[in-house]
Amino acid sequence: MAVKKKNVEYRAKLFRNGRSQAIRLPKELRFDEKEKEVRIRREGNCLIVESLDEWPDDFWKLFGGVSDLETPTRRPLEQARDRFNR
């Protein structure tokens, strides 16, 4: 979701949907159509609604992409010493 204007206040309608309460978001604040879920948290008397999509589609392009990282090979654990180093 990209909001172009900062510090603009909008009003939203609350309504009931079955036994749940819902918010009708203004057009300017709507999430992308591909979003099916969001994260909601409370800070004081505010509700913060965030996208679950952690990284925007073009994020990695900013860094020229990411090469495949080599997975470290596991080494067998050494025999555990006994407590008295015998």
PDB file of N, CA and C in Angstrom:
ATOM      1  N   MET A   1       0.854  -1.173   0.000  1.00  0.00           N
ATOM      2  CA  MET A   1       0.000   0.000   0.000  1.00  0.00           C
ATOM      3  C   MET A   1       0.894   1.227   0.000  1.00  0.00           C
ATOM      4  N   ALA A   2       0.642   2.138  -0.881  1.00  0.00           N
ATOM      5  CA  ALA A   2       1.420   3.370  -0.931  1.00  0.00           C
ATOM      6  C   ALA A   2       0.491   4.552  -0.691  1.00  0.00           C
ATOM      7  N   VAL A   3       0.755   5.281   0.372  1.00  0.00           N
ATOM      8  CA  VAL A   3      -0.013   6.492   0.664  1.00  0.00           C
ATOM      9  C   VAL A   3       0.872   7.654   0.272  1.00  0.00           C
ATOM     10  N   LYS A   4       0.418   8.442  -0.667  1.00  0.00           N
ATOM     11  CA  LYS A   4       1.251   9.504  -1.209  1.00  0.00           C
ATOM     12  C   LYS A   4       1.294  10.745  -0.330  1.00  0.00           C
ATOM     13  N   LYS A   5       0.210  11.044   0.344  1.00  0.00           N
ATOM     14  CA  LYS A   5       0.155  12.235   1.186  1.00  0.00           C
ATOM     15  C   LYS A   5       0.403  11.845   2.632  1.00  0.00           C
ATOM     16  N   LYS A   6       1.221  12.621   3.307  1.00  0.00           N
ATOM     17  CA  LYS A   6       1.468  12.371   4.728  1.00  0.00           C
ATOM     18  C   LYS A   6       0.660  13.356   5.553  1.00  0.00           C
ATOM     19  N   ASN A   7       0.373  12.959   6.780  1.00  0.00           N
ATOM     20  CA  ASN A   7      -0.350  13.806   7.725  1.00  0.00           C
ATOM     21  C   ASN A   7      -1.729  14.232   7.224  1.00  0.00           C
ATOM     22  N   VAL A   8      -2.357  13.387   6.428  1.00  0.00           N
ATOM     23  CA  VAL A   8      -3.721  13.649   5.979  1.00  0.00           C
ATOM     24  C   VAL A   8      -4.627  12.780   6.828  1.00  0.00           C
ATOM     25  N   GLU A   9      -5.684  13.371   7.340  1.00  0.00           N
ATOM     26  CA  GLU A   9      -6.603  12.629   8.201  1.00  0.00           C
ATOM     27  C   GLU A   9      -7.818  12.191   7.396  1.00  0.00           C
ATOM     28  N   TYR A  10      -8.189  10.934   7.560  1.00  0.00           N
ATOM     29  CA  TYR A  10      -9.355  10.382   6.885  1.00  0.00           C
ATOM     30  C   TYR A  10     -10.330   9.867   7.930  1.00  0.00           C
ATOM     31  N   ARG A  11     -11.580   9.759   7.555  1.00  0.00           N
ATOM     32  CA  ARG A  11     -12.587   9.131   8.405  1.00  0.00           C
ATOM     33  C   ARG A  11     -12.992   7.828   7.750  1.00  0.00           C
ATOM     34  N   ALA A  12     -13.263   6.831   8.588  1.00  0.00           N
ATOM     35  CA  ALA A  12     -13.685   5.527   8.076  1.00  0.00           C
ATOM     36  C   ALA A  12     -14.939   5.100   8.812  1.00  0.00           C
ATOM     37  N   LYS A  13     -15.785   4.376   8.129  1.00  0.00           N
ATOM     38  CA  LYS A  13     -17.026   3.876   8.721  1.00  0.00           C
ATOM     39  C   LYS A  13     -16.780   2.523   9.377  1.00  0.00           C
ATOM     40  N   LEU A  14     -17.331   2.350  10.571  1.00  0.00           N
ATOM     41  CA  LEU A  14     -17.335   1.058  11.252  1.00  0.00           C
ATOM     42  C   LEU A  14     -18.679   0.401  10.978  1.00  0.00           C
ATOM     43  N   PHE A  15     -18.664  -0.912  10.795  1.00  0.00           N
ATOM     44  CA  PHE A  15     -19.919  -1.629  10.591  1.00  0.00           C
ATOM     45  C   PHE A  15     -19.769  -3.057  11.095  1.00  0.00           C
ATOM     46  N   ARG A  16     -20.885  -3.722  11.245  1.00  0.00           N
ATOM     47  CA  ARG A  16     -20.891  -5.109  11.705  1.00  0.00           C
ATOM     48  C   ARG A  16     -20.960  -6.024  10.490  1.00  0.00           C
ATOM     49  N   ASN A  17     -20.173  -7.086  10.542  1.00  0.00           N
ATOM     50  CA  ASN A  17     -20.207  -8.118   9.515  1.00  0.00           C
ATOM     51  C   ASN A  17     -20.368  -9.433  10.257  1.00  0.00           C
ATOM     52  N   GLY A  18     -21.595  -9.893  10.394  1.00  0.00           N
ATOM     53  CA  GLY A  18     -21.858 -11.050  11.244  1.00  0.00           C
ATOM     54  C   GLY A  18     -21.611 -10.652  12.681  1.00  0.00           C
ATOM     55  N   ARG A  19     -20.747 -11.402  13.362  1.00  0.00           N
ATOM     56  CA  ARG A  19     -20.413 -11.086  14.752  1.00  0.00           C
ATOM     57  C   ARG A  19     -19.111 -10.297  14.870  1.00  0.00           C
ATOM     58  N   SER A  20     -18.556  -9.882  13.730  1.00  0.00           N
ATOM     59  CA  SER A  20     -17.298  -9.132  13.720  1.00  0.00           C
ATOM     60  C   SER A  20     -17.551  -7.663  13.438  1.00  0.00           C
ATOM     61  N   GLN A  21     -16.632  -6.833  13.895  1.00  0.00           N
ATOM     62  CA  GLN A  21     -16.672  -5.413  13.562  1.00  0.00           C
ATOM     63  C   GLN A  21     -15.680  -5.195  12.425  1.00  0.00           C
ATOM     64  N   ALA A  22     -16.033  -4.371  11.463  1.00  0.00           N
ATOM     65  CA  ALA A  22     -15.176  -4.127  10.308  1.00  0.00           C
ATOM     66  C   ALA A  22     -15.040  -2.626  10.078  1.00  0.00           C
ATOM     67  N   ILE A  23     -14.021  -2.262   9.315  1.00  0.00           N
ATOM     68  CA  ILE A  23     -13.762  -0.864   8.965  1.00  0.00           C
ATOM     69  C   ILE A  23     -13.802  -0.752   7.445  1.00  0.00           C
ATOM     70  N   ARG A  24     -14.563   0.201   6.945  1.00  0.00           N
ATOM     71  CA  ARG A  24     -14.588   0.466   5.504  1.00  0.00           C
ATOM     72  C   ARG A  24     -13.510   1.519   5.236  1.00  0.00           C
ATOM     73  N   LEU A  25     -12.414   1.100   4.591  1.00  0.00           N
ATOM     74  CA  LEU A  25     -11.293   2.007   4.350  1.00  0.00           C
ATOM     75  C   LEU A  25     -11.592   2.963   3.204  1.00  0.00           C
ATOM     76  N   PRO A  26     -11.187   4.226   3.343  1.00  0.00           N
ATOM     77  CA  PRO A  26     -11.306   5.154   2.218  1.00  0.00           C
ATOM     78  C   PRO A  26     -10.453   4.660   1.044  1.00  0.00           C
ATOM     79  N   LYS A  27     -10.834   5.027  -0.148  1.00  0.00           N
ATOM     80  CA  LYS A  27     -10.150   4.582  -1.361  1.00  0.00           C
ATOM     81  C   LYS A  27      -8.643   4.847  -1.292  1.00  0.00           C
ATOM     82  N   GLU A  28      -8.257   5.990  -0.752  1.00  0.00           N
ATOM     83  CA  GLU A  28      -6.838   6.375  -0.700  1.00  0.00           C
ATOM     84  C   GLU A  28      -6.018   5.492   0.230  1.00  0.00           C
ATOM     85  N   LEU A  29      -6.660   4.769   1.122  1.00  0.00           N
ATOM     86  CA  LEU A  29      -5.942   3.963   2.113  1.00  0.00           C
ATOM     87  C   LEU A  29      -6.082   2.460   1.885  1.00  0.00           C
ATOM     88  N   ARG A  30      -6.708   2.069   0.807  1.00  0.00           N
ATOM     89  CA  ARG A  30      -6.932   0.645   0.565  1.00  0.00           C
ATOM     90  C   ARG A  30      -5.627  -0.085   0.315  1.00  0.00           C
ATOM     91  N   PHE A  31      -5.602  -1.342   0.742  1.00  0.00           N
ATOM     92  CA  PHE A  31      -4.470  -2.216   0.485  1.00  0.00           C
ATOM     93  C   PHE A  31      -4.562  -2.740  -0.943  1.00  0.00           C
ATOM     94  N   ASP A  32      -3.453  -3.241  -1.453  1.00  0.00           N
ATOM     95  CA  ASP A  32      -3.411  -3.846  -2.774  1.00  0.00           C
ATOM     96  C   ASP A  32      -4.381  -5.026  -2.831  1.00  0.00           C
ATOM     97  N   GLU A  33      -4.942  -5.277  -3.993  1.00  0.00           N
ATOM     98  CA  GLU A  33      -5.921  -6.357  -4.162  1.00  0.00           C
ATOM     99  C   GLU A  33      -5.361  -7.723  -3.773  1.00  0.00           C
ATOM    100  N   LYS A  34      -4.040  -7.920  -3.915  1.00  0.00           N
ATOM    101  CA  LYS A  34      -3.454  -9.227  -3.594  1.00  0.00           C
ATOM    102  C   LYS A  34      -3.393  -9.485  -2.087  1.00  0.00           C
ATOM    103  N   GLU A  35      -3.518  -8.443  -1.285  1.00  0.00           N
ATOM    104  CA  GLU A  35      -3.493  -8.601   0.170  1.00  0.00           C
ATOM    105  C   GLU A  35      -4.770  -9.282   0.637  1.00  0.00           C
ATOM    106  N   LYS A  36      -4.630 -10.373   1.342  1.00  0.00           N
ATOM    107  CA  LYS A  36      -5.791 -11.087   1.875  1.00  0.00           C
ATOM    108  C   LYS A  36      -5.848 -11.002   3.397  1.00  0.00           C
ATOM    109  N   GLU A  37      -4.719 -10.683   4.035  1.00  0.00           N
ATOM    110  CA  GLU A  37      -4.645 -10.557   5.491  1.00  0.00           C
ATOM    111  C   GLU A  37      -3.735  -9.392   5.837  1.00  0.00           C
ATOM    112  N   VAL A  38      -3.950  -8.813   6.994  1.00  0.00           N
ATOM    113  CA  VAL A  38      -3.096  -7.745   7.506  1.00  0.00           C
ATOM    114  C   VAL A  38      -2.776  -8.026   8.970  1.00  0.00           C
ATOM    115  N   ARG A  39      -1.750  -7.366   9.477  1.00  0.00           N
ATOM    116  CA  ARG A  39      -1.375  -7.462  10.889  1.00  0.00           C
ATOM    117  C   ARG A  39      -1.991  -6.255  11.593  1.00  0.00           C
ATOM    118  N   ILE A  40      -2.617  -6.492  12.742  1.00  0.00           N
ATOM    119  CA  ILE A  40      -3.222  -5.400  13.514  1.00  0.00           C
ATOM    120  C   ILE A  40      -2.644  -5.429  14.918  1.00  0.00           C
ATOM    121  N   ARG A  41      -2.236  -4.266  15.407  1.00  0.00           N
ATOM    122  CA  ARG A  41      -1.761  -4.177  16.790  1.00  0.00           C
ATOM    123  C   ARG A  41      -2.292  -2.895  17.399  1.00  0.00           C
ATOM    124  N   ARG A  42      -2.355  -2.888  18.701  1.00  0.00           N
ATOM    125  CA  ARG A  42      -2.868  -1.726  19.418  1.00  0.00           C
ATOM    126  C   ARG A  42      -1.700  -1.018  20.101  1.00  0.00           C
ATOM    127  N   GLU A  43      -1.635   0.290  19.948  1.00  0.00           N
ATOM    128  CA  GLU A  43      -0.677   1.131  20.669  1.00  0.00           C
ATOM    129  C   GLU A  43      -1.487   2.234  21.332  1.00  0.00           C
ATOM    130  N   GLY A  44      -1.667   2.108  22.644  1.00  0.00           N
ATOM    131  CA  GLY A  44      -2.510   3.061  23.358  1.00  0.00           C
ATOM    132  C   GLY A  44      -3.927   2.964  22.837  1.00  0.00           C
ATOM    133  N   ASN A  45      -4.480   4.090  22.387  1.00  0.00           N
ATOM    134  CA  ASN A  45      -5.837   4.050  21.840  1.00  0.00           C
ATOM    135  C   ASN A  45      -5.838   3.995  20.312  1.00  0.00           C
ATOM    136  N   CYS A  46      -4.688   3.685  19.716  1.00  0.00           N
ATOM    137  CA  CYS A  46      -4.570   3.591  18.256  1.00  0.00           C
ATOM    138  C   CYS A  46      -4.509   2.138  17.807  1.00  0.00           C
ATOM    139  N   LEU A  47      -5.083   1.865  16.658  1.00  0.00           N
ATOM    140  CA  LEU A  47      -4.934   0.570  16.005  1.00  0.00           C
ATOM    141  C   LEU A  47      -4.011   0.772  14.814  1.00  0.00           C
ATOM    142  N   ILE A  48      -2.967  -0.040  14.733  1.00  0.00           N
ATOM    143  CA  ILE A  48      -2.016   0.026  13.628  1.00  0.00           C
ATOM    144  C   ILE A  48      -2.309  -1.164  12.721  1.00  0.00           C
ATOM    145  N   VAL A  49      -2.596  -0.905  11.454  1.00  0.00           N
ATOM    146  CA  VAL A  49      -2.894  -1.950  10.478  1.00  0.00           C
ATOM    147  C   VAL A  49      -1.746  -1.963   9.478  1.00  0.00           C
ATOM    148  N   GLU A  50      -1.062  -3.123   9.366  1.00  0.00           N
ATOM    149  CA  GLU A  50       0.112  -3.227   8.502  1.00  0.00           C
ATOM    150  C   GLU A  50      -0.035  -4.400   7.549  1.00  0.00           C
ATOM    151  N   SER A  51       0.590  -4.272   6.412  1.00  0.00           N
ATOM    152  CA  SER A  51       0.634  -5.359   5.446  1.00  0.00           C
ATOM    153  C   SER A  51       1.469  -6.505   6.015  1.00  0.00           C
ATOM    154  N   LEU A  52       1.094  -7.737   5.707  1.00  0.00           N
ATOM    155  CA  LEU A  52       1.908  -8.884   6.105  1.00  0.00           C
ATOM    156  C   LEU A  52       3.052  -9.105   5.128  1.00  0.00           C
ATOM    157  N   ASP A  53       2.983  -8.490   3.973  1.00  0.00           N
ATOM    158  CA  ASP A  53       4.029  -8.613   2.970  1.00  0.00           C
ATOM    159  C   ASP A  53       5.230  -7.815   3.456  1.00  0.00           C
ATOM    160  N   GLU A  54       6.231  -8.524   3.968  1.00  0.00           N
ATOM    161  CA  GLU A  54       7.376  -7.857   4.593  1.00  0.00           C
ATOM    162  C   GLU A  54       8.251  -7.100   3.592  1.00  0.00           C
ATOM    163  N   TRP A  55       8.437  -7.639   2.393  1.00  0.00           N
ATOM    164  CA  TRP A  55       9.341  -7.035   1.430  1.00  0.00           C
ATOM    165  C   TRP A  55       8.577  -6.713   0.150  1.00  0.00           C
ATOM    166  N   PRO A  56       8.559  -5.443  -0.259  1.00  0.00           N
ATOM    167  CA  PRO A  56       7.900  -5.093  -1.519  1.00  0.00           C
ATOM    168  C   PRO A  56       8.538  -5.851  -2.684  1.00  0.00           C
ATOM    169  N   ASP A  57       7.776  -6.060  -3.748  1.00  0.00           N
ATOM    170  CA  ASP A  57       8.257  -6.827  -4.898  1.00  0.00           C
ATOM    171  C   ASP A  57       9.581  -6.314  -5.448  1.00  0.00           C
ATOM    172  N   ASP A  58       9.786  -5.009  -5.465  1.00  0.00           N
ATOM    173  CA  ASP A  58      11.008  -4.445  -6.053  1.00  0.00           C
ATOM    174  C   ASP A  58      12.132  -4.235  -5.045  1.00  0.00           C
ATOM    175  N   PHE A  59      11.965  -4.703  -3.818  1.00  0.00           N
ATOM    176  CA  PHE A  59      12.958  -4.457  -2.772  1.00  0.00           C
ATOM    177  C   PHE A  59      14.339  -4.977  -3.162  1.00  0.00           C
ATOM    178  N   TRP A  60      14.426  -6.252  -3.564  1.00  0.00           N
ATOM    179  CA  TRP A  60      15.731  -6.850  -3.848  1.00  0.00           C
ATOM    180  C   TRP A  60      16.372  -6.245  -5.094  1.00  0.00           C
ATOM    181  N   LYS A  61      15.572  -5.676  -5.991  1.00  0.00           N
ATOM    182  CA  LYS A  61      16.133  -5.035  -7.183  1.00  0.00           C
ATOM    183  C   LYS A  61      16.987  -3.832  -6.802  1.00  0.00           C
ATOM    184  N   LEU A  62      16.691  -3.211  -5.663  1.00  0.00           N
ATOM    185  CA  LEU A  62      17.487  -2.069  -5.205  1.00  0.00           C
ATOM    186  C   LEU A  62      18.933  -2.464  -4.941  1.00  0.00           C
ATOM    187  N   PHE A  63      19.161  -3.731  -4.621  1.00  0.00           N
ATOM    188  CA  PHE A  63      20.499  -4.216  -4.303  1.00  0.00           C
ATOM    189  C   PHE A  63      21.091  -5.020  -5.448  1.00  0.00           C
ATOM    190  N   GLY A  64      20.480  -4.975  -6.592  1.00  0.00           N
ATOM    191  CA  GLY A  64      20.979  -5.736  -7.730  1.00  0.00           C
ATOM    192  C   GLY A  64      20.660  -7.209  -7.618  1.00  0.00           C
ATOM    193  N   GLY A  65      19.665  -7.561  -6.838  1.00  0.00           N
ATOM    194  CA  GLY A  65      19.303  -8.967  -6.666  1.00  0.00           C
ATOM    195  C   GLY A  65      20.164  -9.614  -5.604  1.00  0.00           C
ATOM    196  N   VAL A  66      19.838 -10.813  -5.285  1.00  0.00           N
ATOM    197  CA  VAL A  66      20.587 -11.572  -4.288  1.00  0.00           C
ATOM    198  C   VAL A  66      21.054 -12.855  -4.941  1.00  0.00           C
ATOM    199  N   SER A  67      22.355 -13.106  -4.865  1.00  0.00           N
ATOM    200  CA  SER A  67      22.863 -14.358  -5.423  1.00  0.00           C
ATOM    201  C   SER A  67      22.519 -15.494  -4.470  1.00  0.00           C
ATOM    202  N   ASP A  68      22.499 -16.689  -5.007  1.00  0.00           N
ATOM    203  CA  ASP A  68      22.225 -17.843  -4.158  1.00  0.00           C
ATOM    204  C   ASP A  68      23.321 -17.964  -3.113  1.00  0.00           C
ATOM    205  N   LEU A  69      22.918 -18.046  -1.889  1.00  0.00           N
ATOM    206  CA  LEU A  69      23.882 -18.182  -0.806  1.00  0.00           C
ATOM    207  C   LEU A  69      24.250 -19.643  -0.649  1.00  0.00           C
ATOM    208  N   GLU A  70      25.518 -19.885  -0.386  1.00  0.00           N
ATOM    209  CA  GLU A  70      25.967 -21.256  -0.195  1.00  0.00           C
ATOM    210  C   GLU A  70      25.519 -21.730   1.180  1.00  0.00           C
ATOM    211  N   THR A  71      24.888 -22.872   1.210  1.00  0.00           N
ATOM    212  CA  THR A  71      24.443 -23.438   2.477  1.00  0.00           C
ATOM    213  C   THR A  71      25.641 -24.079   3.159  1.00  0.00           C
ATOM    214  N   PRO A  72      25.912 -23.713   4.403  1.00  0.00           N
ATOM    215  CA  PRO A  72      27.060 -24.312   5.091  1.00  0.00           C
ATOM    216  C   PRO A  72      26.849 -25.811   5.270  1.00  0.00           C
ATOM    217  N   THR A  73      27.955 -26.542   5.170  1.00  0.00           N
ATOM    218  CA  THR A  73      27.860 -27.989   5.378  1.00  0.00           C
ATOM    219  C   THR A  73      27.983 -28.274   6.862  1.00  0.00           C
ATOM    220  N   ARG A  74      27.238 -29.245   7.309  1.00  0.00           N
ATOM    221  CA  ARG A  74      27.284 -29.602   8.727  1.00  0.00           C
ATOM    222  C   ARG A  74      28.449 -30.548   8.971  1.00  0.00           C
ATOM    223  N   ARG A  75      29.184 -30.259  10.030  1.00  0.00           N
ATOM    224  CA  ARG A  75      30.268 -31.151  10.441  1.00  0.00           C
ATOM    225  C   ARG A  75      29.750 -32.039  11.557  1.00  0.00           C
ATOM    226  N   PRO A  76      30.195 -33.287  11.582  1.00  0.00           N
ATOM    227  CA  PRO A  76      29.737 -34.153  12.675  1.00  0.00           C
ATOM    228  C   PRO A  76      30.236 -33.620  14.017  1.00  0.00           C
ATOM    229  N   LEU A  77      29.424 -33.762  15.021  1.00  0.00           N
ATOM    230  CA  LEU A  77      29.817 -33.319  16.352  1.00  0.00           C
ATOM    231  C   LEU A  77      30.978 -34.167  16.853  1.00  0.00           C
ATOM    232  N   GLU A  78      31.925 -33.502  17.479  1.00  0.00           N
ATOM    233  CA  GLU A  78      33.043 -34.244  18.065  1.00  0.00           C
ATOM    234  C   GLU A  78      32.525 -35.021  19.263  1.00  0.00           C
ATOM    235  N   GLN A  79      33.214 -36.073  19.568  1.00  0.00           N
ATOM    236  CA  GLN A  79      32.827 -36.857  20.735  1.00  0.00           C
ATOM    237  C   GLN A  79      32.860 -35.947  21.956  1.00  0.00           C
ATOM    238  N   ALA A  80      31.811 -35.991  22.720  1.00  0.00           N
ATOM    239  CA  ALA A  80      31.753 -35.170  23.932  1.00  0.00           C
ATOM    240  C   ALA A  80      32.763 -35.701  24.940  1.00  0.00           C
ATOM    241  N   ARG A  81      33.530 -34.784  25.527  1.00  0.00           N
ATOM    242  CA  ARG A  81      34.485 -35.200  26.561  1.00  0.00           C
ATOM    243  C   ARG A  81      33.736 -35.504  27.833  1.00  0.00           C
ATOM    244  N   ASP A  82      34.302 -36.384  28.613  1.00  0.00           N
ATOM    245  CA  ASP A  82      33.630 -36.595  29.891  1.00  0.00           C
ATOM    246  C   ASP A  82      33.979 -35.420  30.798  1.00  0.00           C
ATOM    247  N   ARG A  83      33.269 -35.239  31.846  1.00  0.00           N
ATOM    248  CA  ARG A  83      33.389 -34.049  32.690  1.00  0.00           C
ATOM    249  C   ARG A  83      34.766 -33.854  33.298  1.00  0.00           C
ATOM    250  N   PHE A  84      35.506 -34.919  33.451  1.00  0.00           N
ATOM    251  CA  PHE A  84      36.801 -34.809  34.129  1.00  0.00           C
ATOM    252  C   PHE A  84      37.958 -34.882  33.143  1.00  0.00           C
ATOM    253  N   ASN A  85      37.697 -34.663  31.854  1.00  0.00           N
ATOM    254  CA  ASN A  85      38.718 -34.659  30.801  1.00  0.00           C
ATOM    255  C   ASN A  85      39.594 -35.895  30.824  1.00  0.00           C
ATOM    256  N   ARG A  86      39.008 -37.050  31.006  1.00  0.00           N
ATOM    257  CA  ARG A  86      39.799 -38.288  31.023  1.00  0.00           C
ATOM    258  C   ARG A  86      40.004 -38.807  29.643  1.00  0.00           C
TER     259      ARG A  86
END
